[in-house]
Amino acid sequence: MGVWEFAVWVALWAAILAKPGSIDPILPVILSSGEFLIVWFGIGIWAFLMFRYYPKKP
């Protein structure tokens, strides 16, 4: 895991955990639909970039 990936995950978890009343950070149902969309859109972009540009193993 690269440094930028770690930073993204830390920021994501911090945003989810910082939500008042957030009990289960695995399933952030406390988020509004807009926030939920932004979070999952970010995860989707990250997953696409990981799939597209993941370093090839020799």
PDB file of N, CA and C in Angstrom:
ATOM      1  N   MET A   1       0.843  -1.197   0.000  1.00  0.00           N
ATOM      2  CA  MET A   1       0.000   0.000   0.000  1.00  0.00           C
ATOM      3  C   MET A   1       0.877   1.245   0.000  1.00  0.00           C
ATOM      4  N   GLY A   2       0.636   2.098  -0.967  1.00  0.00           N
ATOM      5  CA  GLY A   2       1.437   3.309  -1.084  1.00  0.00           C
ATOM      6  C   GLY A   2       1.027   4.362  -0.065  1.00  0.00           C
ATOM      7  N   VAL A   3       1.833   5.387   0.039  1.00  0.00           N
ATOM      8  CA  VAL A   3       1.568   6.456   1.000  1.00  0.00           C
ATOM      9  C   VAL A   3       0.275   7.187   0.670  1.00  0.00           C
ATOM     10  N   TRP A   4       0.057   7.463  -0.626  1.00  0.00           N
ATOM     11  CA  TRP A   4      -1.156   8.202  -1.009  1.00  0.00           C
ATOM     12  C   TRP A   4      -2.408   7.376  -0.749  1.00  0.00           C
ATOM     13  N   GLU A   5      -2.305   6.054  -0.941  1.00  0.00           N
ATOM     14  CA  GLU A   5      -3.445   5.188  -0.643  1.00  0.00           C
ATOM     15  C   GLU A   5      -3.783   5.250   0.843  1.00  0.00           C
ATOM     16  N   PHE A   6      -2.720   5.173   1.660  1.00  0.00           N
ATOM     17  CA  PHE A   6      -2.899   5.234   3.107  1.00  0.00           C
ATOM     18  C   PHE A   6      -3.567   6.545   3.506  1.00  0.00           C
ATOM     19  N   ALA A   7      -3.121   7.640   2.892  1.00  0.00           N
ATOM     20  CA  ALA A   7      -3.697   8.955   3.184  1.00  0.00           C
ATOM     21  C   ALA A   7      -5.175   8.998   2.813  1.00  0.00           C
ATOM     22  N   VAL A   8      -5.517   8.404   1.660  1.00  0.00           N
ATOM     23  CA  VAL A   8      -6.916   8.375   1.226  1.00  0.00           C
ATOM     24  C   VAL A   8      -7.760   7.589   2.216  1.00  0.00           C
ATOM     25  N   TRP A   9      -7.279   6.407   2.625  1.00  0.00           N
ATOM     26  CA  TRP A   9      -8.036   5.579   3.571  1.00  0.00           C
ATOM     27  C   TRP A   9      -8.191   6.271   4.919  1.00  0.00           C
ATOM     28  N   VAL A  10      -7.112   6.918   5.395  1.00  0.00           N
ATOM     29  CA  VAL A  10      -7.188   7.626   6.676  1.00  0.00           C
ATOM     30  C   VAL A  10      -8.212   8.752   6.602  1.00  0.00           C
ATOM     31  N   ALA A  11      -8.185   9.513   5.495  1.00  0.00           N
ATOM     32  CA  ALA A  11      -9.128  10.622   5.335  1.00  0.00           C
ATOM     33  C   ALA A  11     -10.558  10.103   5.268  1.00  0.00           C
ATOM     34  N   LEU A  12     -10.743   9.001   4.541  1.00  0.00           N
ATOM     35  CA  LEU A  12     -12.076   8.418   4.386  1.00  0.00           C
ATOM     36  C   LEU A  12     -12.625   7.942   5.727  1.00  0.00           C
ATOM     37  N   TRP A  13     -11.807   7.180   6.457  1.00  0.00           N
ATOM     38  CA  TRP A  13     -12.247   6.667   7.758  1.00  0.00           C
ATOM     39  C   TRP A  13     -12.466   7.792   8.756  1.00  0.00           C
ATOM     40  N   ALA A  14     -11.598   8.816   8.700  1.00  0.00           N
ATOM     41  CA  ALA A  14     -11.761   9.951   9.607  1.00  0.00           C
ATOM     42  C   ALA A  14     -13.079  10.666   9.329  1.00  0.00           C
ATOM     43  N   ALA A  15     -13.412  10.827   8.044  1.00  0.00           N
ATOM     44  CA  ALA A  15     -14.664  11.497   7.678  1.00  0.00           C
ATOM     45  C   ALA A  15     -15.865  10.692   8.154  1.00  0.00           C
ATOM     46  N   ILE A  16     -15.790   9.371   8.010  1.00  0.00           N
ATOM     47  CA  ILE A  16     -16.901   8.517   8.427  1.00  0.00           C
ATOM     48  C   ILE A  16     -17.019   8.492   9.954  1.00  0.00           C
ATOM     49  N   LEU A  17     -15.888   8.319  10.632  1.00  0.00           N
ATOM     50  CA  LEU A  17     -15.909   8.221  12.092  1.00  0.00           C
ATOM     51  C   LEU A  17     -16.289   9.545  12.749  1.00  0.00           C
ATOM     52  N   ALA A  18     -16.004  10.662  12.074  1.00  0.00           N
ATOM     53  CA  ALA A  18     -16.275  11.973  12.662  1.00  0.00           C
ATOM     54  C   ALA A  18     -17.758  12.326  12.625  1.00  0.00           C
ATOM     55  N   LYS A  19     -18.546  11.565  11.838  1.00  0.00           N
ATOM     56  CA  LYS A  19     -19.977  11.844  11.778  1.00  0.00           C
ATOM     57  C   LYS A  19     -20.599  11.618  13.150  1.00  0.00           C
ATOM     58  N   PRO A  20     -21.298  12.614  13.701  1.00  0.00           N
ATOM     59  CA  PRO A  20     -21.944  12.426  14.999  1.00  0.00           C
ATOM     60  C   PRO A  20     -23.004  11.333  14.922  1.00  0.00           C
ATOM     61  N   GLY A  21     -22.983  10.430  15.887  1.00  0.00           N
ATOM     62  CA  GLY A  21     -23.962   9.356  15.910  1.00  0.00           C
ATOM     63  C   GLY A  21     -23.563   8.188  15.033  1.00  0.00           C
ATOM     64  N   SER A  22     -22.356   8.247  14.467  1.00  0.00           N
ATOM     65  CA  SER A  22     -21.894   7.152  13.615  1.00  0.00           C
ATOM     66  C   SER A  22     -21.505   5.971  14.494  1.00  0.00           C
ATOM     67  N   ILE A  23     -22.207   4.863  14.348  1.00  0.00           N
ATOM     68  CA  ILE A  23     -21.962   3.703  15.198  1.00  0.00           C
ATOM     69  C   ILE A  23     -21.131   2.663  14.463  1.00  0.00           C
ATOM     70  N   ASP A  24     -21.544   2.335  13.236  1.00  0.00           N
ATOM     71  CA  ASP A  24     -20.869   1.294  12.475  1.00  0.00           C
ATOM     72  C   ASP A  24     -20.177   1.897  11.262  1.00  0.00           C
ATOM     73  N   PRO A  25     -18.854   2.141  11.344  1.00  0.00           N
ATOM     74  CA  PRO A  25     -18.150   2.785  10.233  1.00  0.00           C
ATOM     75  C   PRO A  25     -18.055   1.904   8.984  1.00  0.00           C
ATOM     76  N   ILE A  26     -18.329   0.590   9.128  1.00  0.00           N
ATOM     77  CA  ILE A  26     -18.276  -0.285   7.963  1.00  0.00           C
ATOM     78  C   ILE A  26     -19.450   0.006   7.035  1.00  0.00           C
ATOM     79  N   LEU A  27     -20.591   0.346   7.627  1.00  0.00           N
ATOM     80  CA  LEU A  27     -21.799   0.585   6.845  1.00  0.00           C
ATOM     81  C   LEU A  27     -22.326   1.979   7.197  1.00  0.00           C
ATOM     82  N   PRO A  28     -21.787   3.019   6.534  1.00  0.00           N
ATOM     83  CA  PRO A  28     -22.092   4.399   6.950  1.00  0.00           C
ATOM     84  C   PRO A  28     -23.491   4.853   6.531  1.00  0.00           C
ATOM     85  N   VAL A  29     -24.516   4.225   7.110  1.00  0.00           N
ATOM     86  CA  VAL A  29     -25.895   4.571   6.772  1.00  0.00           C
ATOM     87  C   VAL A  29     -26.312   5.906   7.384  1.00  0.00           C
ATOM     88  N   ILE A  30     -25.491   6.449   8.299  1.00  0.00           N
ATOM     89  CA  ILE A  30     -25.813   7.724   8.935  1.00  0.00           C
ATOM     90  C   ILE A  30     -25.577   8.878   7.960  1.00  0.00           C
ATOM     91  N   LEU A  31     -24.729   8.651   6.944  1.00  0.00           N
ATOM     92  CA  LEU A  31     -24.423   9.696   5.977  1.00  0.00           C
ATOM     93  C   LEU A  31     -25.667  10.070   5.187  1.00  0.00           C
ATOM     94  N   SER A  32     -25.719  11.342   4.784  1.00  0.00           N
ATOM     95  CA  SER A  32     -26.794  11.748   3.883  1.00  0.00           C
ATOM     96  C   SER A  32     -26.523  11.127   2.514  1.00  0.00           C
ATOM     97  N   SER A  33     -27.517  11.120   1.653  1.00  0.00           N
ATOM     98  CA  SER A  33     -27.349  10.481   0.350  1.00  0.00           C
ATOM     99  C   SER A  33     -26.216  11.133  -0.450  1.00  0.00           C
ATOM    100  N   GLY A  34     -26.082  12.457  -0.337  1.00  0.00           N
ATOM    101  CA  GLY A  34     -25.009  13.153  -1.052  1.00  0.00           C
ATOM    102  C   GLY A  34     -23.634  12.736  -0.557  1.00  0.00           C
ATOM    103  N   GLU A  35     -23.460  12.694   0.760  1.00  0.00           N
ATOM    104  CA  GLU A  35     -22.179  12.280   1.328  1.00  0.00           C
ATOM    105  C   GLU A  35     -21.887  10.832   0.983  1.00  0.00           C
ATOM    106  N   PHE A  36     -22.921   9.988   1.069  1.00  0.00           N
ATOM    107  CA  PHE A  36     -22.768   8.574   0.750  1.00  0.00           C
ATOM    108  C   PHE A  36     -22.292   8.411  -0.687  1.00  0.00           C
ATOM    109  N   LEU A  37     -22.899   9.168  -1.597  1.00  0.00           N
ATOM    110  CA  LEU A  37     -22.538   9.114  -3.012  1.00  0.00           C
ATOM    111  C   LEU A  37     -21.089   9.539  -3.214  1.00  0.00           C
ATOM    112  N   ILE A  38     -20.681  10.623  -2.546  1.00  0.00           N
ATOM    113  CA  ILE A  38     -19.315  11.120  -2.683  1.00  0.00           C
ATOM    114  C   ILE A  38     -18.314  10.084  -2.185  1.00  0.00           C
ATOM    115  N   VAL A  39     -18.600   9.477  -1.026  1.00  0.00           N
ATOM    116  CA  VAL A  39     -17.702   8.466  -0.460  1.00  0.00           C
ATOM    117  C   VAL A  39     -17.538   7.290  -1.412  1.00  0.00           C
ATOM    118  N   TRP A  40     -18.661   6.747  -1.910  1.00  0.00           N
ATOM    119  CA  TRP A  40     -18.571   5.573  -2.777  1.00  0.00           C
ATOM    120  C   TRP A  40     -18.033   5.912  -4.151  1.00  0.00           C
ATOM    121  N   PHE A  41     -18.275   7.139  -4.623  1.00  0.00           N
ATOM    122  CA  PHE A  41     -17.698   7.584  -5.892  1.00  0.00           C
ATOM    123  C   PHE A  41     -16.180   7.627  -5.766  1.00  0.00           C
ATOM    124  N   GLY A  42     -15.696   8.132  -4.615  1.00  0.00           N
ATOM    125  CA  GLY A  42     -14.258   8.166  -4.365  1.00  0.00           C
ATOM    126  C   GLY A  42     -13.662   6.772  -4.310  1.00  0.00           C
ATOM    127  N   ILE A  43     -14.353   5.840  -3.646  1.00  0.00           N
ATOM    128  CA  ILE A  43     -13.876   4.458  -3.581  1.00  0.00           C
ATOM    129  C   ILE A  43     -13.851   3.843  -4.975  1.00  0.00           C
ATOM    130  N   GLY A  44     -14.866   4.153  -5.785  1.00  0.00           N
ATOM    131  CA  GLY A  44     -14.922   3.635  -7.153  1.00  0.00           C
ATOM    132  C   GLY A  44     -13.750   4.124  -7.991  1.00  0.00           C
ATOM    133  N   ILE A  45     -13.437   5.409  -7.892  1.00  0.00           N
ATOM    134  CA  ILE A  45     -12.301   5.964  -8.634  1.00  0.00           C
ATOM    135  C   ILE A  45     -11.011   5.304  -8.170  1.00  0.00           C
ATOM    136  N   TRP A  46     -10.859   5.160  -6.856  1.00  0.00           N
ATOM    137  CA  TRP A  46      -9.659   4.534  -6.301  1.00  0.00           C
ATOM    138  C   TRP A  46      -9.508   3.105  -6.808  1.00  0.00           C
ATOM    139  N   ALA A  47     -10.618   2.341  -6.793  1.00  0.00           N
ATOM    140  CA  ALA A  47     -10.581   0.953  -7.254  1.00  0.00           C
ATOM    141  C   ALA A  47     -10.232   0.890  -8.735  1.00  0.00           C
ATOM    142  N   PHE A  48     -10.800   1.797  -9.535  1.00  0.00           N
ATOM    143  CA  PHE A  48     -10.493   1.825 -10.963  1.00  0.00           C
ATOM    144  C   PHE A  48      -9.013   2.120 -11.196  1.00  0.00           C
ATOM    145  N   LEU A  49      -8.487   3.115 -10.482  1.00  0.00           N
ATOM    146  CA  LEU A  49      -7.077   3.459 -10.644  1.00  0.00           C
ATOM    147  C   LEU A  49      -6.177   2.308 -10.207  1.00  0.00           C
ATOM    148  N   MET A  50      -6.546   1.632  -9.119  1.00  0.00           N
ATOM    149  CA  MET A  50      -5.764   0.487  -8.661  1.00  0.00           C
ATOM    150  C   MET A  50      -5.780  -0.617  -9.708  1.00  0.00           C
ATOM    151  N   PHE A  51      -6.945  -0.852 -10.310  1.00  0.00           N
ATOM    152  CA  PHE A  51      -7.076  -1.893 -11.329  1.00  0.00           C
ATOM    153  C   PHE A  51      -6.304  -1.515 -12.588  1.00  0.00           C
ATOM    154  N   ARG A  52      -6.395  -0.234 -12.971  1.00  0.00           N
ATOM    155  CA  ARG A  52      -5.804   0.221 -14.230  1.00  0.00           C
ATOM    156  C   ARG A  52      -4.292   0.375 -14.128  1.00  0.00           C
ATOM    157  N   TYR A  53      -3.810   0.927 -13.028  1.00  0.00           N
ATOM    158  CA  TYR A  53      -2.393   1.282 -12.928  1.00  0.00           C
ATOM    159  C   TYR A  53      -1.637   0.480 -11.882  1.00  0.00           C
ATOM    160  N   TYR A  54      -2.219  -0.637 -11.443  1.00  0.00           N
ATOM    161  CA  TYR A  54      -1.512  -1.450 -10.449  1.00  0.00           C
ATOM    162  C   TYR A  54      -0.209  -1.964 -11.050  1.00  0.00           C
ATOM    163  N   PRO A  55       0.920  -1.873 -10.314  1.00  0.00           N
ATOM    164  CA  PRO A  55       2.204  -2.329 -10.863  1.00  0.00           C
ATOM    165  C   PRO A  55       2.157  -3.808 -11.220  1.00  0.00           C
ATOM    166  N   LYS A  56       2.593  -4.098 -12.438  1.00  0.00           N
ATOM    167  CA  LYS A  56       2.561  -5.480 -12.909  1.00  0.00           C
ATOM    168  C   LYS A  56       3.640  -6.305 -12.212  1.00  0.00           C
ATOM    169  N   LYS A  57       3.268  -7.498 -11.775  1.00  0.00           N
ATOM    170  CA  LYS A  57       4.264  -8.394 -11.172  1.00  0.00           C
ATOM    171  C   LYS A  57       5.013  -9.109 -12.298  1.00  0.00           C
ATOM    172  N   PRO A  58       6.322  -9.243 -12.166  1.00  0.00           N
ATOM    173  CA  PRO A  58       7.098  -9.897 -13.233  1.00  0.00           C
ATOM    174  C   PRO A  58       6.771 -11.381 -13.356  1.00  0.00           C
TER     175      PRO A  58
END
